[in-house]
């Protein structure tokens, strides 16, 4: 995790950097604990839950991380909006395994550094929880609900933290 900044007159460029290996490491740790506390005598079922970042399984985890990344970019839309001219090329469905997920934001000059740090941690947790929710839905169905609920809670906290920064919305009393 980390971030870097750049300045213009009215906005400040902030990049949230989330390393794929750290996200997979945390997901792997959580899945190991889930497997360790399982009340089953079947070691095969236990190791299926724990092997989230093993060869072959890591591809699925990476696809889920990729999806969670783009969901986060969309959640932060007021600050991550890019023109279509900025697209690097035509989208394709090839599996990409980036070393880091970078969320490029343009925030107001007075945007709080503490909000940036909070967002970084919330997004990290959200992405890990999304991977675990999907993985548990396959390997330990009764364990998925906890991770779904937690990822939804993180998404709500992400939205909440930026809503306080986007300013007040004023609606006119008349539509004319």
N, C-alpha and C. Protein backbone atom coordinates (compact mmCIF):
# COMPACT_ATOMS: atom_id res chain seq x y z
N UNK A 1 0.84 -1.18 0.00
CA UNK A 1 0.00 0.00 0.00
C UNK A 1 0.88 1.24 0.00
N UNK A 2 0.34 2.29 -0.51
CA UNK A 2 1.05 3.55 -0.52
C UNK A 2 0.32 4.54 -1.39
N UNK A 3 0.79 5.75 -1.39
CA UNK A 3 0.20 6.75 -2.26
C UNK A 3 1.24 7.76 -2.65
N UNK A 4 0.99 8.47 -3.76
CA UNK A 4 1.87 9.54 -4.18
C UNK A 4 1.00 10.69 -4.65
N UNK A 5 1.55 11.87 -4.64
CA UNK A 5 0.76 13.06 -4.96
C UNK A 5 1.45 13.90 -6.02
N UNK A 6 0.65 14.68 -6.72
CA UNK A 6 1.10 15.70 -7.64
C UNK A 6 0.11 16.85 -7.57
N UNK A 7 0.52 18.05 -7.90
CA UNK A 7 -0.36 19.21 -7.72
C UNK A 7 -0.65 19.92 -9.03
N UNK A 8 -1.85 20.49 -9.14
CA UNK A 8 -2.19 21.49 -10.14
C UNK A 8 -2.79 22.64 -9.36
N UNK A 9 -3.32 23.63 -10.06
CA UNK A 9 -3.86 24.80 -9.37
C UNK A 9 -5.03 24.47 -8.46
N UNK A 10 -6.03 23.76 -8.98
CA UNK A 10 -7.25 23.55 -8.21
C UNK A 10 -7.40 22.14 -7.66
N UNK A 11 -6.66 21.22 -8.22
CA UNK A 11 -6.77 19.84 -7.73
C UNK A 11 -5.39 19.29 -7.42
N UNK A 12 -5.42 18.21 -6.74
CA UNK A 12 -4.20 17.50 -6.37
C UNK A 12 -4.35 16.06 -6.87
N UNK A 13 -3.36 15.56 -7.57
CA UNK A 13 -3.38 14.17 -8.03
C UNK A 13 -2.89 13.28 -6.90
N UNK A 14 -3.69 12.27 -6.59
CA UNK A 14 -3.34 11.32 -5.55
C UNK A 14 -3.50 9.92 -6.13
N UNK A 15 -2.49 9.11 -6.00
CA UNK A 15 -2.54 7.73 -6.46
C UNK A 15 -2.52 6.80 -5.27
N UNK A 16 -3.55 5.99 -5.15
CA UNK A 16 -3.57 4.93 -4.14
C UNK A 16 -2.96 3.70 -4.79
N UNK A 17 -1.97 3.13 -4.14
CA UNK A 17 -1.25 1.99 -4.71
C UNK A 17 -1.45 0.78 -3.80
N UNK A 18 -2.11 -0.23 -4.33
CA UNK A 18 -2.38 -1.45 -3.58
C UNK A 18 -1.67 -2.60 -4.26
N UNK A 19 -0.72 -3.20 -3.58
CA UNK A 19 0.08 -4.27 -4.17
C UNK A 19 -0.69 -5.59 -4.17
N UNK A 20 -0.72 -6.21 -5.33
CA UNK A 20 -1.45 -7.47 -5.50
C UNK A 20 -0.97 -8.54 -4.54
N UNK A 21 0.33 -8.65 -4.35
CA UNK A 21 0.87 -9.67 -3.45
C UNK A 21 0.41 -9.47 -2.01
N UNK A 22 0.29 -8.22 -1.58
CA UNK A 22 -0.18 -7.94 -0.22
C UNK A 22 -1.66 -8.29 -0.07
N UNK A 23 -2.44 -8.00 -1.10
CA UNK A 23 -3.86 -8.35 -1.08
C UNK A 23 -4.05 -9.87 -1.01
N UNK A 24 -3.28 -10.59 -1.85
CA UNK A 24 -3.35 -12.05 -1.84
C UNK A 24 -2.84 -12.62 -0.53
N UNK A 25 -1.82 -12.02 0.04
CA UNK A 25 -1.28 -12.48 1.32
C UNK A 25 -2.34 -12.37 2.42
N UNK A 26 -3.02 -11.24 2.47
CA UNK A 26 -4.06 -11.08 3.49
C UNK A 26 -5.22 -12.04 3.26
N UNK A 27 -5.65 -12.21 2.01
CA UNK A 27 -6.71 -13.16 1.72
C UNK A 27 -6.29 -14.57 2.11
N UNK A 28 -5.04 -14.90 1.85
CA UNK A 28 -4.51 -16.22 2.20
C UNK A 28 -4.50 -16.42 3.72
N UNK A 29 -4.10 -15.40 4.45
CA UNK A 29 -4.09 -15.50 5.92
C UNK A 29 -5.49 -15.71 6.47
N UNK A 30 -6.45 -14.94 5.97
CA UNK A 30 -7.84 -15.10 6.44
C UNK A 30 -8.38 -16.48 6.09
N UNK A 31 -8.09 -16.95 4.88
CA UNK A 31 -8.61 -18.26 4.48
C UNK A 31 -7.95 -19.38 5.28
N UNK A 32 -6.69 -19.19 5.65
CA UNK A 32 -6.02 -20.18 6.50
C UNK A 32 -6.72 -20.27 7.85
N UNK A 33 -7.05 -19.12 8.43
CA UNK A 33 -7.74 -19.11 9.73
C UNK A 33 -9.12 -19.74 9.59
N UNK A 34 -9.84 -19.41 8.51
CA UNK A 34 -11.16 -20.02 8.27
C UNK A 34 -11.04 -21.55 8.21
N UNK A 35 -10.02 -22.03 7.51
CA UNK A 35 -9.82 -23.48 7.40
C UNK A 35 -9.44 -24.08 8.74
N UNK A 36 -8.61 -23.38 9.48
CA UNK A 36 -8.13 -23.89 10.77
C UNK A 36 -9.25 -24.06 11.80
N UNK A 37 -10.24 -23.19 11.75
CA UNK A 37 -11.32 -23.27 12.75
C UNK A 37 -12.53 -24.05 12.26
N UNK A 38 -12.43 -24.61 11.06
CA UNK A 38 -13.55 -25.41 10.54
C UNK A 38 -13.80 -26.61 11.43
N UNK A 39 -15.08 -26.92 11.61
CA UNK A 39 -15.46 -28.06 12.43
C UNK A 39 -15.74 -29.27 11.55
N UNK A 40 -14.77 -29.63 10.74
CA UNK A 40 -14.91 -30.81 9.88
C UNK A 40 -13.71 -31.72 10.11
N UNK A 41 -13.92 -32.97 9.86
CA UNK A 41 -12.83 -33.93 10.00
C UNK A 41 -12.17 -34.22 8.66
N UNK A 42 -12.73 -33.67 7.61
CA UNK A 42 -12.24 -33.88 6.25
C UNK A 42 -11.13 -32.88 5.94
N UNK A 43 -9.89 -33.34 5.90
CA UNK A 43 -8.77 -32.45 5.62
C UNK A 43 -8.81 -31.89 4.20
N UNK A 44 -9.43 -32.62 3.27
CA UNK A 44 -9.55 -32.13 1.91
C UNK A 44 -10.38 -30.85 1.87
N UNK A 45 -11.50 -30.84 2.55
CA UNK A 45 -12.35 -29.64 2.61
C UNK A 45 -11.60 -28.49 3.27
N UNK A 46 -10.85 -28.82 4.30
CA UNK A 46 -10.09 -27.80 5.02
C UNK A 46 -9.03 -27.17 4.12
N UNK A 47 -8.30 -27.99 3.39
CA UNK A 47 -7.23 -27.41 2.56
C UNK A 47 -7.80 -26.68 1.35
N UNK A 48 -9.01 -27.04 0.87
CA UNK A 48 -9.63 -26.29 -0.23
C UNK A 48 -9.90 -24.85 0.19
N UNK A 49 -10.32 -24.65 1.42
CA UNK A 49 -10.58 -23.31 1.93
C UNK A 49 -9.27 -22.53 2.06
N UNK A 50 -8.23 -23.18 2.52
CA UNK A 50 -6.96 -22.51 2.80
C UNK A 50 -6.14 -22.22 1.55
N UNK A 51 -6.37 -22.93 0.47
CA UNK A 51 -5.49 -22.83 -0.71
C UNK A 51 -5.89 -21.74 -1.69
N UNK A 52 -6.33 -20.62 -1.22
CA UNK A 52 -6.83 -19.54 -2.07
C UNK A 52 -5.75 -18.95 -2.98
N UNK A 53 -4.51 -18.90 -2.53
CA UNK A 53 -3.44 -18.27 -3.31
C UNK A 53 -2.48 -19.28 -3.92
N UNK A 54 -2.89 -20.53 -3.94
CA UNK A 54 -2.04 -21.56 -4.53
C UNK A 54 -2.15 -21.56 -6.05
N UNK A 55 -1.20 -22.20 -6.70
CA UNK A 55 -1.17 -22.25 -8.16
C UNK A 55 -2.51 -22.73 -8.70
N UNK A 56 -3.01 -22.05 -9.70
CA UNK A 56 -4.31 -22.38 -10.28
C UNK A 56 -5.42 -21.60 -9.61
N UNK A 57 -5.48 -21.64 -8.29
CA UNK A 57 -6.50 -20.91 -7.56
C UNK A 57 -6.24 -19.40 -7.59
N UNK A 58 -5.00 -19.03 -7.69
CA UNK A 58 -4.64 -17.62 -7.67
C UNK A 58 -5.20 -16.88 -8.88
N UNK A 59 -5.43 -17.59 -9.98
CA UNK A 59 -6.02 -16.95 -11.16
C UNK A 59 -7.44 -16.46 -10.86
N UNK A 60 -8.22 -17.29 -10.18
CA UNK A 60 -9.57 -16.89 -9.80
C UNK A 60 -9.51 -15.72 -8.83
N UNK A 61 -8.63 -15.81 -7.85
CA UNK A 61 -8.49 -14.72 -6.88
C UNK A 61 -8.08 -13.42 -7.57
N UNK A 62 -7.22 -13.51 -8.56
CA UNK A 62 -6.78 -12.33 -9.30
C UNK A 62 -7.92 -11.73 -10.11
N UNK A 63 -8.73 -12.56 -10.74
CA UNK A 63 -9.89 -12.04 -11.48
C UNK A 63 -10.83 -11.29 -10.54
N UNK A 64 -11.02 -11.82 -9.35
CA UNK A 64 -11.90 -11.16 -8.38
C UNK A 64 -11.27 -9.86 -7.91
N UNK A 65 -9.95 -9.86 -7.69
CA UNK A 65 -9.26 -8.62 -7.33
C UNK A 65 -9.40 -7.57 -8.43
N UNK A 66 -9.26 -8.00 -9.68
CA UNK A 66 -9.40 -7.08 -10.81
C UNK A 66 -10.80 -6.45 -10.81
N UNK A 67 -11.82 -7.26 -10.59
CA UNK A 67 -13.19 -6.77 -10.54
C UNK A 67 -13.37 -5.81 -9.36
N UNK A 68 -12.88 -6.19 -8.20
CA UNK A 68 -13.01 -5.35 -7.00
C UNK A 68 -12.30 -4.02 -7.20
N UNK A 69 -11.16 -4.04 -7.89
CA UNK A 69 -10.43 -2.81 -8.19
C UNK A 69 -11.30 -1.85 -8.99
N UNK A 70 -11.90 -2.36 -10.06
CA UNK A 70 -12.73 -1.49 -10.90
C UNK A 70 -13.99 -1.04 -10.17
N UNK A 71 -14.50 -1.87 -9.27
CA UNK A 71 -15.63 -1.44 -8.45
C UNK A 71 -15.22 -0.26 -7.56
N UNK A 72 -14.02 -0.33 -7.03
CA UNK A 72 -13.52 0.76 -6.18
C UNK A 72 -13.32 2.04 -6.99
N UNK A 73 -12.76 1.90 -8.18
CA UNK A 73 -12.58 3.06 -9.05
C UNK A 73 -13.93 3.71 -9.32
N UNK A 74 -14.94 2.89 -9.56
CA UNK A 74 -16.28 3.42 -9.82
C UNK A 74 -16.89 4.04 -8.56
N UNK A 75 -16.66 3.46 -7.40
CA UNK A 75 -17.17 4.04 -6.15
C UNK A 75 -16.59 5.43 -5.91
N UNK A 76 -15.37 5.63 -6.35
CA UNK A 76 -14.68 6.91 -6.16
C UNK A 76 -14.87 7.84 -7.36
N UNK A 77 -15.92 7.61 -8.13
CA UNK A 77 -16.15 8.29 -9.39
C UNK A 77 -15.92 9.81 -9.37
N UNK A 78 -16.38 10.54 -8.38
CA UNK A 78 -16.16 11.99 -8.46
C UNK A 78 -14.67 12.36 -8.59
N UNK A 79 -13.79 11.47 -8.13
CA UNK A 79 -12.36 11.77 -8.14
C UNK A 79 -11.57 10.95 -9.16
N UNK A 80 -12.18 9.91 -9.72
CA UNK A 80 -11.46 9.02 -10.64
C UNK A 80 -11.93 9.15 -12.08
N UNK A 81 -12.90 10.00 -12.33
CA UNK A 81 -13.47 10.14 -13.67
C UNK A 81 -12.39 10.45 -14.69
N UNK A 82 -12.42 9.72 -15.81
CA UNK A 82 -11.48 9.92 -16.90
C UNK A 82 -12.25 10.02 -18.21
N UNK A 83 -11.77 10.85 -19.10
CA UNK A 83 -12.37 10.95 -20.42
C UNK A 83 -12.06 9.69 -21.21
N UNK A 84 -12.90 9.41 -22.19
CA UNK A 84 -12.71 8.23 -23.03
C UNK A 84 -11.39 8.27 -23.78
N UNK A 85 -10.88 9.46 -24.05
CA UNK A 85 -9.59 9.58 -24.74
C UNK A 85 -8.44 9.02 -23.89
N UNK A 86 -8.67 8.90 -22.61
CA UNK A 86 -7.62 8.41 -21.70
C UNK A 86 -7.52 6.88 -21.69
N UNK A 87 -8.45 6.19 -22.34
CA UNK A 87 -8.41 4.72 -22.34
C UNK A 87 -7.19 4.25 -23.10
N UNK A 88 -6.42 3.32 -22.54
CA UNK A 88 -5.20 2.87 -23.19
C UNK A 88 -5.43 2.03 -24.44
N UNK A 89 -6.59 1.48 -24.60
CA UNK A 89 -6.87 0.65 -25.77
C UNK A 89 -8.21 -0.04 -25.58
N UNK A 90 -8.52 -0.92 -26.49
CA UNK A 90 -9.78 -1.65 -26.40
C UNK A 90 -9.71 -2.66 -25.25
N UNK A 91 -10.76 -2.72 -24.44
CA UNK A 91 -10.76 -3.71 -23.36
C UNK A 91 -10.78 -5.13 -23.93
N UNK A 92 -10.16 -6.05 -23.22
CA UNK A 92 -10.23 -7.46 -23.60
C UNK A 92 -10.43 -8.28 -22.34
N UNK A 93 -10.66 -9.55 -22.52
CA UNK A 93 -10.97 -10.42 -21.38
C UNK A 93 -9.77 -11.25 -20.95
N UNK A 94 -8.58 -10.88 -21.37
CA UNK A 94 -7.39 -11.61 -20.94
C UNK A 94 -7.12 -11.35 -19.47
N UNK A 95 -6.69 -12.36 -18.77
CA UNK A 95 -6.36 -12.22 -17.36
C UNK A 95 -5.13 -11.34 -17.22
N UNK A 96 -5.26 -10.27 -16.46
CA UNK A 96 -4.09 -9.43 -16.18
C UNK A 96 -3.74 -9.61 -14.72
N UNK A 97 -2.45 -9.69 -14.46
CA UNK A 97 -1.94 -9.86 -13.11
C UNK A 97 -1.02 -8.69 -12.79
N UNK A 98 -1.60 -7.54 -12.49
CA UNK A 98 -0.76 -6.38 -12.21
C UNK A 98 0.01 -6.55 -10.91
N UNK A 99 1.18 -5.97 -10.85
CA UNK A 99 1.92 -6.00 -9.59
C UNK A 99 1.24 -5.13 -8.56
N UNK A 100 0.60 -4.05 -9.04
CA UNK A 100 -0.10 -3.14 -8.13
C UNK A 100 -1.34 -2.61 -8.82
N UNK A 101 -2.35 -2.36 -8.01
CA UNK A 101 -3.56 -1.71 -8.47
C UNK A 101 -3.42 -0.24 -8.09
N UNK A 102 -3.45 0.63 -9.09
CA UNK A 102 -3.26 2.06 -8.84
C UNK A 102 -4.58 2.77 -9.12
N UNK A 103 -5.07 3.46 -8.11
CA UNK A 103 -6.29 4.25 -8.26
C UNK A 103 -5.86 5.71 -8.34
N UNK A 104 -6.02 6.28 -9.53
CA UNK A 104 -5.61 7.66 -9.78
C UNK A 104 -6.79 8.58 -9.49
N UNK A 105 -6.59 9.49 -8.55
CA UNK A 105 -7.66 10.41 -8.17
C UNK A 105 -7.19 11.86 -8.33
N UNK A 106 -8.11 12.71 -8.73
CA UNK A 106 -7.89 14.16 -8.72
C UNK A 106 -8.81 14.71 -7.64
N UNK A 107 -8.22 15.16 -6.56
CA UNK A 107 -9.00 15.64 -5.42
C UNK A 107 -8.78 17.14 -5.25
N UNK A 108 -9.70 17.82 -4.58
CA UNK A 108 -9.51 19.25 -4.31
C UNK A 108 -8.23 19.49 -3.49
N UNK A 109 -7.67 20.67 -3.62
CA UNK A 109 -6.45 21.03 -2.89
C UNK A 109 -6.59 20.83 -1.39
N UNK A 110 -7.79 21.08 -0.86
CA UNK A 110 -7.98 20.98 0.59
C UNK A 110 -8.42 19.59 1.06
N UNK A 111 -8.32 18.61 0.18
CA UNK A 111 -8.69 17.24 0.54
C UNK A 111 -7.76 16.75 1.65
N UNK A 112 -8.31 16.08 2.61
CA UNK A 112 -7.55 15.66 3.79
C UNK A 112 -6.67 14.43 3.53
N UNK A 113 -5.44 14.52 4.01
CA UNK A 113 -4.53 13.37 3.90
C UNK A 113 -5.04 12.20 4.72
N UNK A 114 -5.73 12.47 5.81
CA UNK A 114 -6.27 11.38 6.63
C UNK A 114 -7.37 10.64 5.89
N UNK A 115 -8.13 11.35 5.06
CA UNK A 115 -9.16 10.69 4.25
C UNK A 115 -8.51 9.79 3.21
N UNK A 116 -7.42 10.24 2.63
CA UNK A 116 -6.69 9.42 1.66
C UNK A 116 -6.18 8.14 2.32
N UNK A 117 -5.61 8.27 3.50
CA UNK A 117 -5.10 7.08 4.20
C UNK A 117 -6.24 6.15 4.58
N UNK A 118 -7.36 6.73 5.03
CA UNK A 118 -8.53 5.91 5.36
C UNK A 118 -9.02 5.17 4.12
N UNK A 119 -9.14 5.87 3.01
CA UNK A 119 -9.58 5.24 1.77
C UNK A 119 -8.66 4.08 1.38
N UNK A 120 -7.38 4.29 1.51
CA UNK A 120 -6.43 3.24 1.15
C UNK A 120 -6.68 1.96 1.96
N UNK A 121 -6.89 2.12 3.24
CA UNK A 121 -7.12 0.95 4.10
C UNK A 121 -8.50 0.32 3.86
N UNK A 122 -9.51 1.15 3.67
CA UNK A 122 -10.84 0.63 3.37
C UNK A 122 -10.86 -0.13 2.05
N UNK A 123 -10.21 0.42 1.05
CA UNK A 123 -10.18 -0.24 -0.26
C UNK A 123 -9.41 -1.55 -0.19
N UNK A 124 -8.29 -1.55 0.52
CA UNK A 124 -7.52 -2.79 0.70
C UNK A 124 -8.42 -3.86 1.33
N UNK A 125 -9.10 -3.49 2.41
CA UNK A 125 -9.95 -4.45 3.10
C UNK A 125 -11.12 -4.89 2.21
N UNK A 126 -11.70 -3.95 1.48
CA UNK A 126 -12.80 -4.28 0.57
C UNK A 126 -12.35 -5.32 -0.46
N UNK A 127 -11.21 -5.09 -1.08
CA UNK A 127 -10.74 -6.00 -2.11
C UNK A 127 -10.46 -7.40 -1.55
N UNK A 128 -9.86 -7.46 -0.38
CA UNK A 128 -9.60 -8.75 0.26
C UNK A 128 -10.91 -9.46 0.58
N UNK A 129 -11.87 -8.72 1.13
CA UNK A 129 -13.16 -9.31 1.49
C UNK A 129 -13.92 -9.81 0.26
N UNK A 130 -13.82 -9.09 -0.86
CA UNK A 130 -14.47 -9.54 -2.08
C UNK A 130 -13.90 -10.87 -2.55
N UNK A 131 -12.58 -11.00 -2.46
CA UNK A 131 -11.95 -12.26 -2.85
C UNK A 131 -12.42 -13.38 -1.93
N UNK A 132 -12.42 -13.11 -0.63
CA UNK A 132 -12.83 -14.14 0.33
C UNK A 132 -14.31 -14.51 0.17
N UNK A 133 -15.15 -13.52 -0.10
CA UNK A 133 -16.58 -13.81 -0.27
C UNK A 133 -16.79 -14.76 -1.45
N UNK A 134 -16.12 -14.49 -2.56
CA UNK A 134 -16.25 -15.36 -3.74
C UNK A 134 -15.65 -16.74 -3.48
N UNK A 135 -14.47 -16.75 -2.85
CA UNK A 135 -13.80 -18.01 -2.59
C UNK A 135 -14.61 -18.89 -1.64
N UNK A 136 -15.12 -18.27 -0.58
CA UNK A 136 -15.91 -19.04 0.39
C UNK A 136 -17.23 -19.50 -0.21
N UNK A 137 -17.78 -18.76 -1.17
CA UNK A 137 -19.03 -19.20 -1.80
C UNK A 137 -18.81 -20.49 -2.59
N UNK A 138 -17.56 -20.75 -2.94
CA UNK A 138 -17.23 -21.98 -3.67
C UNK A 138 -16.81 -23.08 -2.71
N UNK A 139 -15.97 -22.75 -1.73
CA UNK A 139 -15.34 -23.79 -0.90
C UNK A 139 -16.00 -24.00 0.46
N UNK A 140 -16.67 -23.00 0.97
CA UNK A 140 -17.26 -23.11 2.33
C UNK A 140 -18.50 -22.22 2.36
N UNK A 141 -19.56 -22.71 1.77
CA UNK A 141 -20.75 -21.88 1.56
C UNK A 141 -21.25 -21.18 2.82
N UNK A 142 -21.18 -21.83 3.95
CA UNK A 142 -21.67 -21.20 5.18
C UNK A 142 -20.73 -20.10 5.68
N UNK A 143 -19.55 -19.97 5.11
CA UNK A 143 -18.62 -18.92 5.51
C UNK A 143 -18.65 -17.70 4.62
N UNK A 144 -19.38 -17.76 3.51
CA UNK A 144 -19.38 -16.66 2.55
C UNK A 144 -20.14 -15.44 3.05
N UNK A 145 -21.24 -15.63 3.76
CA UNK A 145 -22.10 -14.52 4.18
C UNK A 145 -21.34 -13.50 5.01
N UNK A 146 -20.47 -13.97 5.88
CA UNK A 146 -19.67 -13.06 6.71
C UNK A 146 -18.82 -12.13 5.86
N UNK A 147 -18.20 -12.67 4.82
CA UNK A 147 -17.31 -11.88 3.98
C UNK A 147 -18.10 -10.97 3.04
N UNK A 148 -19.26 -11.42 2.59
CA UNK A 148 -20.13 -10.57 1.78
C UNK A 148 -20.56 -9.37 2.60
N UNK A 149 -21.02 -9.63 3.81
CA UNK A 149 -21.46 -8.55 4.71
C UNK A 149 -20.33 -7.58 5.00
N UNK A 150 -19.16 -8.10 5.25
CA UNK A 150 -18.02 -7.23 5.54
C UNK A 150 -17.63 -6.40 4.32
N UNK A 151 -17.64 -7.00 3.12
CA UNK A 151 -17.29 -6.24 1.92
C UNK A 151 -18.33 -5.15 1.67
N UNK A 152 -19.61 -5.44 1.91
CA UNK A 152 -20.66 -4.42 1.76
C UNK A 152 -20.46 -3.29 2.76
N UNK A 153 -20.06 -3.63 3.97
CA UNK A 153 -19.80 -2.61 4.99
C UNK A 153 -18.62 -1.73 4.59
N UNK A 154 -17.57 -2.34 4.03
CA UNK A 154 -16.41 -1.56 3.57
C UNK A 154 -16.80 -0.65 2.40
N UNK A 155 -17.62 -1.16 1.49
CA UNK A 155 -18.08 -0.35 0.35
C UNK A 155 -18.87 0.86 0.85
N UNK A 156 -19.72 0.64 1.82
CA UNK A 156 -20.50 1.74 2.39
C UNK A 156 -19.59 2.76 3.07
N UNK A 157 -18.57 2.30 3.76
CA UNK A 157 -17.63 3.22 4.41
C UNK A 157 -16.82 4.01 3.38
N UNK A 158 -16.48 3.37 2.27
CA UNK A 158 -15.76 4.08 1.19
C UNK A 158 -16.65 5.19 0.65
N UNK A 159 -17.90 4.85 0.34
CA UNK A 159 -18.83 5.85 -0.18
C UNK A 159 -19.05 6.97 0.83
N UNK A 160 -19.20 6.60 2.07
CA UNK A 160 -19.44 7.59 3.14
C UNK A 160 -18.27 8.54 3.30
N UNK A 161 -17.07 8.02 3.22
CA UNK A 161 -15.89 8.87 3.42
C UNK A 161 -15.72 9.88 2.30
N UNK A 162 -16.13 9.53 1.08
CA UNK A 162 -16.00 10.51 0.00
C UNK A 162 -17.21 11.43 -0.08
N UNK A 163 -18.36 10.98 0.39
CA UNK A 163 -19.55 11.84 0.34
C UNK A 163 -19.36 13.07 1.21
N UNK A 164 -18.67 12.93 2.31
CA UNK A 164 -18.45 14.08 3.17
C UNK A 164 -17.48 15.06 2.52
N UNK A 165 -16.77 14.63 1.48
CA UNK A 165 -15.77 15.47 0.82
C UNK A 165 -16.27 16.09 -0.48
N UNK A 166 -17.39 15.63 -1.00
CA UNK A 166 -17.84 16.13 -2.30
C UNK A 166 -18.64 17.42 -2.18
N UNK A 167 -18.90 17.85 -0.99
CA UNK A 167 -19.61 19.11 -0.81
C UNK A 167 -21.11 18.92 -0.73
N UNK A 168 -21.80 19.98 -0.39
CA UNK A 168 -23.24 19.93 -0.23
C UNK A 168 -23.91 20.00 -1.59
N UNK A 169 -24.99 19.30 -1.70
CA UNK A 169 -25.79 19.34 -2.90
C UNK A 169 -26.96 20.28 -2.65
N UNK A 170 -27.12 21.24 -3.52
CA UNK A 170 -28.24 22.16 -3.38
C UNK A 170 -29.21 21.89 -4.52
N UNK A 171 -30.42 21.67 -4.14
CA UNK A 171 -31.46 21.46 -5.13
C UNK A 171 -32.39 22.65 -5.12
N UNK A 172 -32.67 23.12 -6.31
CA UNK A 172 -33.60 24.23 -6.42
C UNK A 172 -35.00 23.74 -6.11
N UNK A 173 -35.81 24.60 -5.56
CA UNK A 173 -37.17 24.23 -5.22
C UNK A 173 -38.05 24.06 -6.44
N UNK A 174 -37.70 24.72 -7.51
CA UNK A 174 -38.51 24.66 -8.72
C UNK A 174 -37.70 23.99 -9.84
N UNK A 175 -38.33 23.14 -10.61
CA UNK A 175 -37.60 22.51 -11.72
C UNK A 175 -37.41 23.47 -12.89
N UNK A 176 -37.95 24.68 -12.81
CA UNK A 176 -37.86 25.64 -13.91
C UNK A 176 -36.82 26.69 -13.68
